[in-house]
Amino acid sequence: MTAATPPPPPPPPARVQVVAQEFRFALSRRTIKHGRATIELRNLGEDAHDLRLQRIGGTRVYVWPVAQPGRTVDREVELRPGRYRLTCAVANHAALGMEATLVVR
């Protein structure tokens, strides 16, 4: 009698770095696979910035805390397929163009 082969481990989470500067986001990649993802907010600007991530057409909003200049904050999330809008909710940063789109396939 032989033991059943254990299932393979789950794949590691996708990683996306979001670099924040006045007043824009730069993504290390614009498309990832659905499932677990580690999103890193890296503030290379002179002002404090945060990150809000919401699936377009969805209601759930993932929130990263404010990152002071030179700081990094990361969070692991579970993402379904779709287009996600990233914005900075500090002051009027989003209105000044601090937003980006992430595609999850």
C-alpha atoms as a PDB file:
ATOM      1  CA  MET A   1       0.000   0.000   0.000  1.00  0.00           C
ATOM      2  CA  THR A   2       1.392   3.427  -0.922  1.00  0.00           C
ATOM      3  CA  ALA A   3       0.615   6.775   0.607  1.00  0.00           C
ATOM      4  CA  ALA A   4      -1.206   9.324  -1.492  1.00  0.00           C
ATOM      5  CA  THR A   5       0.949  12.045  -2.957  1.00  0.00           C
ATOM      6  CA  PRO A   6       0.306  15.317  -1.151  1.00  0.00           C
ATOM      7  CA  PRO A   7      -1.034  18.147  -3.288  1.00  0.00           C
ATOM      8  CA  PRO A   8       1.505  20.701  -4.465  1.00  0.00           C
ATOM      9  CA  PRO A   9       1.845  23.824  -2.329  1.00  0.00           C
ATOM     10  CA  PRO A  10      -0.099  26.870  -3.502  1.00  0.00           C
ATOM     11  CA  PRO A  11       1.814  29.273  -5.729  1.00  0.00           C
ATOM     12  CA  PRO A  12       3.405  32.260  -4.024  1.00  0.00           C
ATOM     13  CA  PRO A  13       1.392  35.464  -4.131  1.00  0.00           C
ATOM     14  CA  ALA A  14       1.847  37.808  -7.077  1.00  0.00           C
ATOM     15  CA  ARG A  15       3.816  40.924  -6.135  1.00  0.00           C
ATOM     16  CA  VAL A  16       3.180  44.486  -7.239  1.00  0.00           C
ATOM     17  CA  GLN A  17       5.135  47.499  -6.059  1.00  0.00           C
ATOM     18  CA  VAL A  18       3.296  50.814  -6.156  1.00  0.00           C
ATOM     19  CA  VAL A  19       5.714  53.728  -6.012  1.00  0.00           C
ATOM     20  CA  ALA A  20       4.074  56.933  -4.774  1.00  0.00           C
ATOM     21  CA  GLN A  21       5.405  60.368  -5.675  1.00  0.00           C
ATOM     22  CA  GLU A  22       3.774  63.750  -6.096  1.00  0.00           C
ATOM     23  CA  PHE A  23       1.215  63.224  -7.638  1.00  0.00           C
ATOM     24  CA  ARG A  24       1.349  59.869  -9.362  1.00  0.00           C
ATOM     25  CA  PHE A  25       1.610  56.139  -8.859  1.00  0.00           C
ATOM     26  CA  ALA A  26       4.037  53.948 -10.818  1.00  0.00           C
ATOM     27  CA  LEU A  27       3.262  50.199 -10.813  1.00  0.00           C
ATOM     28  CA  SER A  28       5.978  47.571 -11.192  1.00  0.00           C
ATOM     29  CA  ARG A  29       3.487  45.596 -13.298  1.00  0.00           C
ATOM     30  CA  ARG A  30       0.032  46.464 -14.586  1.00  0.00           C
ATOM     31  CA  THR A  31      -1.347  42.916 -14.905  1.00  0.00           C
ATOM     32  CA  ILE A  32      -1.299  39.974 -12.483  1.00  0.00           C
ATOM     33  CA  LYS A  33      -3.059  36.621 -12.096  1.00  0.00           C
ATOM     34  CA  HIS A  34      -6.065  36.403  -9.789  1.00  0.00           C
ATOM     35  CA  GLY A  35      -5.601  35.003  -6.308  1.00  0.00           C
ATOM     36  CA  ARG A  36      -3.273  36.094  -3.547  1.00  0.00           C
ATOM     37  CA  ALA A  37      -1.242  39.223  -4.172  1.00  0.00           C
ATOM     38  CA  THR A  38       1.189  41.231  -2.105  1.00  0.00           C
ATOM     39  CA  ILE A  39       0.833  44.920  -2.886  1.00  0.00           C
ATOM     40  CA  GLU A  40       3.667  47.111  -1.617  1.00  0.00           C
ATOM     41  CA  LEU A  41       3.190  50.865  -1.268  1.00  0.00           C
ATOM     42  CA  ARG A  42       6.590  52.575  -1.410  1.00  0.00           C
ATOM     43  CA  ASN A  43       6.591  56.309  -0.788  1.00  0.00           C
ATOM     44  CA  LEU A  44       9.426  58.015  -2.656  1.00  0.00           C
ATOM     45  CA  GLY A  45       7.726  61.397  -2.506  1.00  0.00           C
ATOM     46  CA  GLU A  46       8.050  64.318  -0.143  1.00  0.00           C
ATOM     47  CA  ASP A  47       4.466  64.125   1.164  1.00  0.00           C
ATOM     48  CA  ALA A  48       2.643  61.363   3.041  1.00  0.00           C
ATOM     49  CA  HIS A  49       0.589  59.026   0.793  1.00  0.00           C
ATOM     50  CA  ASP A  50      -1.782  56.118   1.276  1.00  0.00           C
ATOM     51  CA  LEU A  51      -3.356  53.579  -1.047  1.00  0.00           C
ATOM     52  CA  ARG A  52      -6.931  52.544  -1.729  1.00  0.00           C
ATOM     53  CA  LEU A  53      -7.605  49.593  -4.038  1.00  0.00           C
ATOM     54  CA  GLN A  54     -11.119  48.910  -5.354  1.00  0.00           C
ATOM     55  CA  ARG A  55     -12.365  46.594  -8.071  1.00  0.00           C
ATOM     56  CA  ILE A  56     -14.176  48.665 -10.683  1.00  0.00           C
ATOM     57  CA  GLY A  57     -17.850  47.827 -10.215  1.00  0.00           C
ATOM     58  CA  GLY A  58     -17.166  46.328  -6.778  1.00  0.00           C
ATOM     59  CA  THR A  59     -17.866  47.646  -3.312  1.00  0.00           C
ATOM     60  CA  ARG A  60     -14.935  46.345  -1.248  1.00  0.00           C
ATOM     61  CA  VAL A  61     -12.104  48.808  -0.692  1.00  0.00           C
ATOM     62  CA  TYR A  62      -8.695  47.571   0.451  1.00  0.00           C
ATOM     63  CA  VAL A  63      -6.895  50.238   2.501  1.00  0.00           C
ATOM     64  CA  TRP A  64      -3.185  50.709   3.185  1.00  0.00           C
ATOM     65  CA  PRO A  65      -2.197  53.057   6.010  1.00  0.00           C
ATOM     66  CA  VAL A  66      -0.480  56.346   5.339  1.00  0.00           C
ATOM     67  CA  ALA A  67       3.178  55.895   4.431  1.00  0.00           C
ATOM     68  CA  GLN A  68       5.439  58.760   5.381  1.00  0.00           C
ATOM     69  CA  PRO A  69       8.206  59.806   2.948  1.00  0.00           C
ATOM     70  CA  GLY A  70      10.802  57.057   2.563  1.00  0.00           C
ATOM     71  CA  ARG A  71       8.568  54.393   4.144  1.00  0.00           C
ATOM     72  CA  THR A  72       7.098  51.185   2.721  1.00  0.00           C
ATOM     73  CA  VAL A  73       3.845  49.437   3.673  1.00  0.00           C
ATOM     74  CA  ASP A  74       2.757  46.116   2.215  1.00  0.00           C
ATOM     75  CA  ARG A  75      -0.382  44.042   2.475  1.00  0.00           C
ATOM     76  CA  GLU A  76      -1.476  40.672   1.136  1.00  0.00           C
ATOM     77  CA  VAL A  77      -4.928  40.575  -0.450  1.00  0.00           C
ATOM     78  CA  GLU A  78      -7.038  38.064  -2.381  1.00  0.00           C
ATOM     79  CA  LEU A  79      -8.080  39.506  -5.752  1.00  0.00           C
ATOM     80  CA  ARG A  80     -10.725  38.295  -8.178  1.00  0.00           C
ATOM     81  CA  PRO A  81     -10.386  38.873 -11.928  1.00  0.00           C
ATOM     82  CA  GLY A  82     -11.227  42.406 -13.015  1.00  0.00           C
ATOM     83  CA  ARG A  83      -9.879  45.933 -13.236  1.00  0.00           C
ATOM     84  CA  TYR A  84      -8.880  47.634  -9.991  1.00  0.00           C
ATOM     85  CA  ARG A  85      -8.544  51.362  -9.394  1.00  0.00           C
ATOM     86  CA  LEU A  86      -5.726  52.537  -7.123  1.00  0.00           C
ATOM     87  CA  THR A  87      -6.005  55.979  -5.553  1.00  0.00           C
ATOM     88  CA  CYS A  88      -4.385  58.069  -2.850  1.00  0.00           C
ATOM     89  CA  ALA A  89      -7.006  59.354  -0.397  1.00  0.00           C
ATOM     90  CA  VAL A  90      -4.733  61.903   1.301  1.00  0.00           C
ATOM     91  CA  ALA A  91      -6.049  65.462   0.853  1.00  0.00           C
ATOM     92  CA  ASN A  92      -6.762  66.097  -2.850  1.00  0.00           C
ATOM     93  CA  HIS A  93      -4.054  63.793  -4.234  1.00  0.00           C
ATOM     94  CA  ALA A  94      -6.471  61.673  -6.330  1.00  0.00           C
ATOM     95  CA  ALA A  95      -7.913  64.829  -7.914  1.00  0.00           C
ATOM     96  CA  LEU A  96      -4.357  65.857  -8.803  1.00  0.00           C
ATOM     97  CA  GLY A  97      -3.922  62.612 -10.771  1.00  0.00           C
ATOM     98  CA  MET A  98      -2.684  60.187  -8.143  1.00  0.00           C
ATOM     99  CA  GLU A  99      -4.425  57.084  -9.452  1.00  0.00           C
ATOM    100  CA  ALA A 100      -3.639  54.009 -11.530  1.00  0.00           C
ATOM    101  CA  THR A 101      -5.293  50.826 -12.824  1.00  0.00           C
ATOM    102  CA  LEU A 102      -4.312  47.223 -12.105  1.00  0.00           C
ATOM    103  CA  VAL A 103      -5.695  44.401 -14.274  1.00  0.00           C
ATOM    104  CA  VAL A 104      -6.252  41.045 -12.571  1.00  0.00           C
ATOM    105  CA  ARG A 105      -6.741  38.083 -14.970  1.00  0.00           C
END
